[in-house]
N, C-alpha and C. Protein backbone atom coordinates (compact mmCIF):
# COMPACT_ATOMS: atom_id res chain seq x y z
N MET A 1 37.24 25.70 30.20
CA MET A 1 36.82 24.11 30.42
C MET A 1 36.34 24.11 31.58
N SER A 2 35.66 22.51 31.87
CA SER A 2 35.07 22.53 32.94
C SER A 2 35.98 21.22 33.86
N HIS A 3 35.83 21.55 34.91
CA HIS A 3 36.68 20.80 36.22
C HIS A 3 36.71 19.26 36.03
N GLU A 4 35.13 19.19 35.43
CA GLU A 4 34.87 17.46 35.82
C GLU A 4 35.51 16.63 34.21
N SER A 5 35.96 17.74 32.88
CA SER A 5 36.81 17.53 32.01
C SER A 5 37.83 16.77 32.31
N GLU A 6 38.47 17.25 32.96
CA GLU A 6 39.98 17.10 33.19
C GLU A 6 40.21 15.84 33.90
N SER A 7 41.49 15.42 33.30
CA SER A 7 41.75 14.25 33.65
C SER A 7 43.08 13.92 34.40
N THR A 8 43.72 12.85 35.28
CA THR A 8 44.60 12.96 35.92
C THR A 8 45.46 11.44 35.69
N SER A 9 46.85 11.40 36.37
CA SER A 9 47.70 9.97 35.86
C SER A 9 46.17 9.05 36.50
N THR A 10 45.51 8.86 37.24
CA THR A 10 44.49 7.43 37.69
C THR A 10 43.98 7.08 36.80
N GLY A 11 44.09 7.25 35.57
CA GLY A 11 42.69 6.48 34.40
C GLY A 11 42.09 7.23 33.94
N GLY A 12 42.20 8.93 33.97
CA GLY A 12 41.44 9.57 33.38
C GLY A 12 39.90 10.07 34.39
N ALA A 13 40.08 9.99 35.38
CA ALA A 13 39.15 10.17 36.58
C ALA A 13 39.27 11.62 37.23
N PRO A 14 38.49 12.63 37.52
CA PRO A 14 38.79 13.79 37.18
C PRO A 14 39.16 13.46 38.91
N MET A 15 40.44 14.45 39.53
CA MET A 15 40.54 14.62 40.47
C MET A 15 39.90 15.39 41.38
N ARG A 16 39.31 14.71 42.86
CA ARG A 16 38.60 15.85 43.68
C ARG A 16 39.28 16.10 45.02
N PRO A 17 39.39 17.25 44.86
CA PRO A 17 40.48 17.35 46.25
C PRO A 17 39.34 17.52 47.29
N ASP A 18 39.82 17.08 48.70
CA ASP A 18 39.67 16.93 49.81
C ASP A 18 39.84 17.87 51.05
N PHE A 19 39.12 17.52 52.13
CA PHE A 19 39.45 18.24 53.36
C PHE A 19 41.33 18.30 53.41
N SER A 20 41.52 17.01 53.38
CA SER A 20 42.42 17.07 54.26
C SER A 20 43.58 17.48 53.13
N GLN A 21 43.34 17.58 51.92
CA GLN A 21 44.86 17.84 51.17
C GLN A 21 44.46 18.78 51.47
N ILE A 22 43.36 19.86 51.79
CA ILE A 22 43.81 21.70 52.39
C ILE A 22 44.35 22.02 53.43
N VAL A 23 43.92 21.42 54.24
CA VAL A 23 44.65 21.08 55.48
C VAL A 23 46.25 20.73 55.11
N SER A 24 46.69 20.24 54.62
CA SER A 24 47.79 19.45 54.34
C SER A 24 48.72 20.66 53.38
N ALA A 25 48.40 21.26 52.29
CA ALA A 25 49.31 22.32 51.73
C ALA A 25 49.08 23.54 52.95
N PHE A 26 48.31 23.64 53.45
CA PHE A 26 48.28 24.92 53.96
C PHE A 26 49.67 25.19 55.26
N GLY A 27 49.19 23.42 56.17
CA GLY A 27 50.11 22.99 56.88
C GLY A 27 51.94 23.13 56.49
N LEU A 28 51.83 22.62 55.30
CA LEU A 28 52.87 21.97 55.09
C LEU A 28 53.47 24.06 54.43
N GLN A 29 52.93 24.71 53.63
CA GLN A 29 53.17 26.14 53.21
C GLN A 29 54.05 26.52 55.03
N ALA A 30 52.97 26.26 56.28
CA ALA A 30 53.59 26.77 57.32
C ALA A 30 54.86 26.48 58.10
N LEU A 31 54.75 25.03 57.57
CA LEU A 31 56.16 24.44 57.74
C LEU A 31 57.21 25.38 57.07
N MET A 32 56.78 24.96 56.09
CA MET A 32 58.02 25.76 55.01
C MET A 32 58.67 26.82 55.58
N ALA A 33 57.76 27.79 55.79
CA ALA A 33 58.02 29.29 56.37
C ALA A 33 58.60 29.49 57.58
N CYS A 34 59.08 28.20 58.00
CA CYS A 34 59.43 28.50 59.11
C CYS A 34 60.34 27.65 59.50
N GLY A 35 60.66 27.13 58.13
CA GLY A 35 62.89 26.79 58.00
C GLY A 35 62.47 25.21 57.87
N LYS A 36 61.27 24.59 58.03
CA LYS A 36 60.92 23.12 58.41
C LYS A 36 61.30 21.79 56.97
N ILE A 37 61.22 22.60 56.29
CA ILE A 37 60.58 21.85 54.56
C ILE A 37 61.35 22.86 53.63
N MET A 38 62.32 22.43 52.85
CA MET A 38 62.97 23.27 52.16
C MET A 38 62.01 23.54 51.15
N ASN A 39 62.32 25.41 50.67
CA ASN A 39 61.92 25.69 49.45
C ASN A 39 61.92 24.58 48.19
N PRO A 40 61.04 24.12 47.70
CA PRO A 40 61.28 23.51 46.47
C PRO A 40 61.97 24.21 44.87
N VAL A 41 61.49 25.54 45.29
CA VAL A 41 62.11 26.38 44.25
C VAL A 41 63.27 27.35 44.51
N THR A 42 63.46 27.73 45.65
CA THR A 42 65.27 27.91 46.28
C THR A 42 66.36 26.61 46.76
N LYS A 43 65.47 25.76 46.97
CA LYS A 43 66.72 24.31 47.32
C LYS A 43 67.32 25.61 49.00
N LYS A 44 66.26 25.85 49.11
CA LYS A 44 66.94 26.75 50.55
C LYS A 44 65.73 26.17 51.35
N PHE A 45 65.98 25.93 52.91
CA PHE A 45 65.55 26.83 53.89
C PHE A 45 65.58 27.84 54.83
N GLU A 46 64.35 28.09 54.55
CA GLU A 46 63.92 29.69 54.69
C GLU A 46 62.68 29.66 55.57
N VAL A 47 63.32 30.95 56.58
CA VAL A 47 62.51 31.31 57.95
C VAL A 47 61.99 32.19 57.47
N GLU A 48 60.48 32.22 57.34
CA GLU A 48 59.46 33.68 57.05
C GLU A 48 58.24 33.88 58.15
N LEU A 49 58.74 34.44 58.88
CA LEU A 49 57.51 34.46 60.11
C LEU A 49 56.54 34.79 59.41
N ALA A 50 56.38 36.26 58.57
CA ALA A 50 54.86 36.25 58.59
C ALA A 50 53.96 35.47 57.65
N MET A 51 55.05 34.65 56.79
CA MET A 51 53.78 33.55 56.23
C MET A 51 53.64 32.51 57.44
N ALA A 52 53.86 32.02 57.51
CA ALA A 52 53.89 31.04 58.49
C ALA A 52 52.83 31.37 59.47
N ASP A 53 53.08 32.26 60.24
CA ASP A 53 51.99 33.45 60.19
C ASP A 53 50.37 33.38 59.54
N TYR A 54 50.74 33.48 59.00
CA TYR A 54 49.46 33.86 57.84
C TYR A 54 48.98 32.57 57.47
N HIS A 55 49.48 31.44 56.97
CA HIS A 55 49.16 30.08 56.59
C HIS A 55 48.41 29.05 58.03
N ILE A 56 49.14 29.54 59.28
CA ILE A 56 48.53 29.36 60.75
C ILE A 56 46.98 29.80 60.86
N GLY A 57 47.42 31.10 60.18
CA GLY A 57 46.27 31.87 60.57
C GLY A 57 44.77 31.24 59.68
N ILE A 58 45.20 30.97 58.49
CA ILE A 58 44.44 30.23 57.88
C ILE A 58 43.87 28.88 57.90
N LEU A 59 44.84 28.31 58.65
CA LEU A 59 44.04 27.26 59.10
C LEU A 59 43.47 27.03 60.88
N ASP A 60 43.54 27.91 61.05
CA ASP A 60 42.85 28.39 62.17
C ASP A 60 41.62 29.05 62.06
N VAL A 61 40.99 29.64 61.09
CA VAL A 61 39.49 29.85 60.14
C VAL A 61 39.27 28.70 59.62
N LEU A 62 39.52 28.34 58.84
CA LEU A 62 39.24 26.71 58.29
C LEU A 62 38.49 25.48 60.12
N LYS A 63 39.51 25.23 61.12
CA LYS A 63 38.86 25.03 62.50
C LYS A 63 37.75 25.79 63.20
N ASP A 64 37.91 26.78 63.01
CA ASP A 64 36.75 27.54 63.43
C ASP A 64 35.44 27.46 62.61
N LYS A 65 35.76 27.44 61.33
CA LYS A 65 34.53 27.59 60.29
C LYS A 65 33.91 26.33 60.32
N THR A 66 34.98 25.31 60.30
CA THR A 66 34.32 23.50 60.44
C THR A 66 33.81 23.38 61.47
N ALA A 67 33.94 23.64 62.63
CA ALA A 67 33.60 23.50 63.74
C ALA A 67 32.50 22.89 64.16
N GLY A 68 32.47 21.03 64.46
CA GLY A 68 31.03 20.40 64.36
C GLY A 68 30.78 19.74 62.76
N ASN A 69 31.60 19.94 62.08
CA ASN A 69 30.93 19.39 59.87
C ASN A 69 31.69 18.30 60.30
N LEU A 70 33.55 18.16 60.44
CA LEU A 70 34.28 17.61 60.15
C LEU A 70 33.80 15.69 61.15
N ASN A 71 34.52 15.21 60.37
CA ASN A 71 34.60 14.18 60.61
C ASN A 71 35.72 13.47 61.96
N ASP A 72 35.83 12.79 62.48
CA ASP A 72 36.74 12.38 63.86
C ASP A 72 38.46 12.86 63.11
N THR A 73 38.54 12.07 61.55
CA THR A 73 39.71 11.74 60.92
C THR A 73 40.29 13.35 60.95
N GLU A 74 39.32 13.84 59.80
CA GLU A 74 39.64 15.20 59.31
C GLU A 74 40.23 15.86 60.31
N LYS A 75 39.48 16.22 61.82
CA LYS A 75 39.35 16.75 63.17
C LYS A 75 40.58 16.60 63.95
N ARG A 76 41.10 15.39 63.77
CA ARG A 76 42.55 15.61 64.24
C ARG A 76 43.64 15.12 63.55
N HIS A 77 43.28 15.39 61.69
CA HIS A 77 44.12 15.90 60.78
C HIS A 77 44.30 17.38 61.21
N LEU A 78 43.20 18.43 61.18
CA LEU A 78 43.25 19.67 61.26
C LEU A 78 44.28 20.12 63.03
N GLU A 79 43.61 19.44 63.60
CA GLU A 79 44.29 19.87 65.28
C GLU A 79 45.83 19.28 64.63
N ASP A 80 46.11 17.84 64.30
CA ASP A 80 47.70 17.95 64.54
C ASP A 80 48.55 18.42 63.75
N MET A 81 47.89 19.05 62.40
CA MET A 81 48.45 20.10 61.74
C MET A 81 48.65 21.49 62.22
N LEU A 82 48.20 21.94 62.90
CA LEU A 82 47.92 23.29 63.79
C LEU A 82 49.00 23.20 64.88
N TYR A 83 48.92 22.43 65.24
CA TYR A 83 50.20 21.42 66.69
C TYR A 83 51.43 22.32 66.17
N GLN A 84 51.65 20.79 64.98
CA GLN A 84 53.20 20.81 64.81
C GLN A 84 53.28 22.48 63.76
N ALA A 85 52.52 23.31 63.07
CA ALA A 85 52.68 24.11 62.54
C ALA A 85 52.61 25.20 63.68
N ARG A 86 52.03 25.15 64.33
CA ARG A 86 52.36 26.24 65.77
C ARG A 86 53.78 26.36 66.68
N MET A 87 53.96 24.91 66.53
CA MET A 87 55.48 24.22 67.70
C MET A 87 56.68 24.88 66.68
N ALA A 88 56.41 24.74 65.58
CA ALA A 88 57.67 25.02 64.33
C ALA A 88 57.28 26.17 64.31
N TYR A 89 56.59 27.44 64.23
CA TYR A 89 56.84 28.62 64.45
C TYR A 89 57.11 29.00 65.96
N VAL A 90 56.78 28.55 66.91
CA VAL A 90 57.46 29.19 68.35
C VAL A 90 59.97 28.81 67.98
N ASP A 91 59.77 27.36 67.39
CA ASP A 91 61.17 27.66 67.08
C ASP A 91 61.41 27.95 66.45
N ALA A 92 60.66 28.44 65.21
CA ALA A 92 62.17 29.46 64.22
C ALA A 92 61.69 30.94 64.91
N SER A 93 60.80 31.49 65.59
CA SER A 93 61.09 32.62 66.49
C SER A 93 61.98 32.65 67.41
N LYS A 94 61.92 31.53 67.60
CA LYS A 94 63.14 31.91 68.79
C LYS A 94 64.70 31.98 68.61
N ASN A 95 64.62 31.13 67.35
CA ASN A 95 66.18 30.99 66.61
C ASN A 95 66.29 31.00 65.32
N PRO A 96 65.67 32.18 64.66
CA PRO A 96 65.42 32.00 62.77
C PRO A 96 66.68 31.30 62.33
N LYS A 97 67.84 31.83 63.10
CA LYS A 97 68.92 31.02 62.54
C LYS A 97 69.77 30.25 61.63
N ALA A 98 68.46 28.54 62.69
CA ALA A 98 69.15 27.41 63.20
C ALA A 98 67.76 26.92 62.08
N VAL A 99 68.62 26.51 61.20
CA VAL A 99 67.88 26.42 60.04
C VAL A 99 68.20 25.05 59.69
N PRO A 100 67.73 23.84 59.25
CA PRO A 100 68.49 22.83 58.74
C PRO A 100 69.48 22.69 57.47
N THR A 101 70.12 22.08 57.12
CA THR A 101 70.86 22.07 56.23
C THR A 101 70.41 20.29 55.39
N LEU A 102 70.99 20.08 54.08
CA LEU A 102 70.19 19.09 53.49
C LEU A 102 70.93 17.90 54.25
N GLU A 103 71.77 17.59 54.98
CA GLU A 103 71.82 16.58 55.16
C GLU A 103 71.34 16.59 56.86
N GLY A 104 70.24 17.78 57.15
CA GLY A 104 69.43 17.05 58.86
C GLY A 104 70.20 17.92 59.58
N ASP A 105 71.35 18.80 59.31
CA ASP A 105 71.94 19.40 60.60
C ASP A 105 70.96 20.09 60.86
N ASN A 106 70.89 20.46 62.36
CA ASN A 106 70.46 22.02 62.26
C ASN A 106 71.49 22.90 63.68
N PRO A 107 72.08 23.89 62.63
CA PRO A 107 73.66 24.36 63.13
C PRO A 107 72.73 25.49 64.05
N VAL A 108 73.32 25.50 64.93
CA VAL A 108 73.14 26.40 65.79
C VAL A 108 74.06 27.75 66.24
């Protein structure tokens, strides 16, 4: 099956992944592993620091390997996502039991 023949809900045009989607995918995985986003499978906020570290590492590799090849928007998005993920990691590593509830509370 060719990627060109796959259709989407946007009128049958093939989906074209872009850099922003890749950065967002790994960044959101890092945030989920830090307990900042609910796991859609388990419906729980979970802290898995090893997985968070892994996804932050992938973003670091992307930053290193794409240095000098990104436009301003892509560079800013990658830097912002890395910052958010790193701050979430620091927060989760200080208090891994304090994860938000569905109501948005942050039990301590």
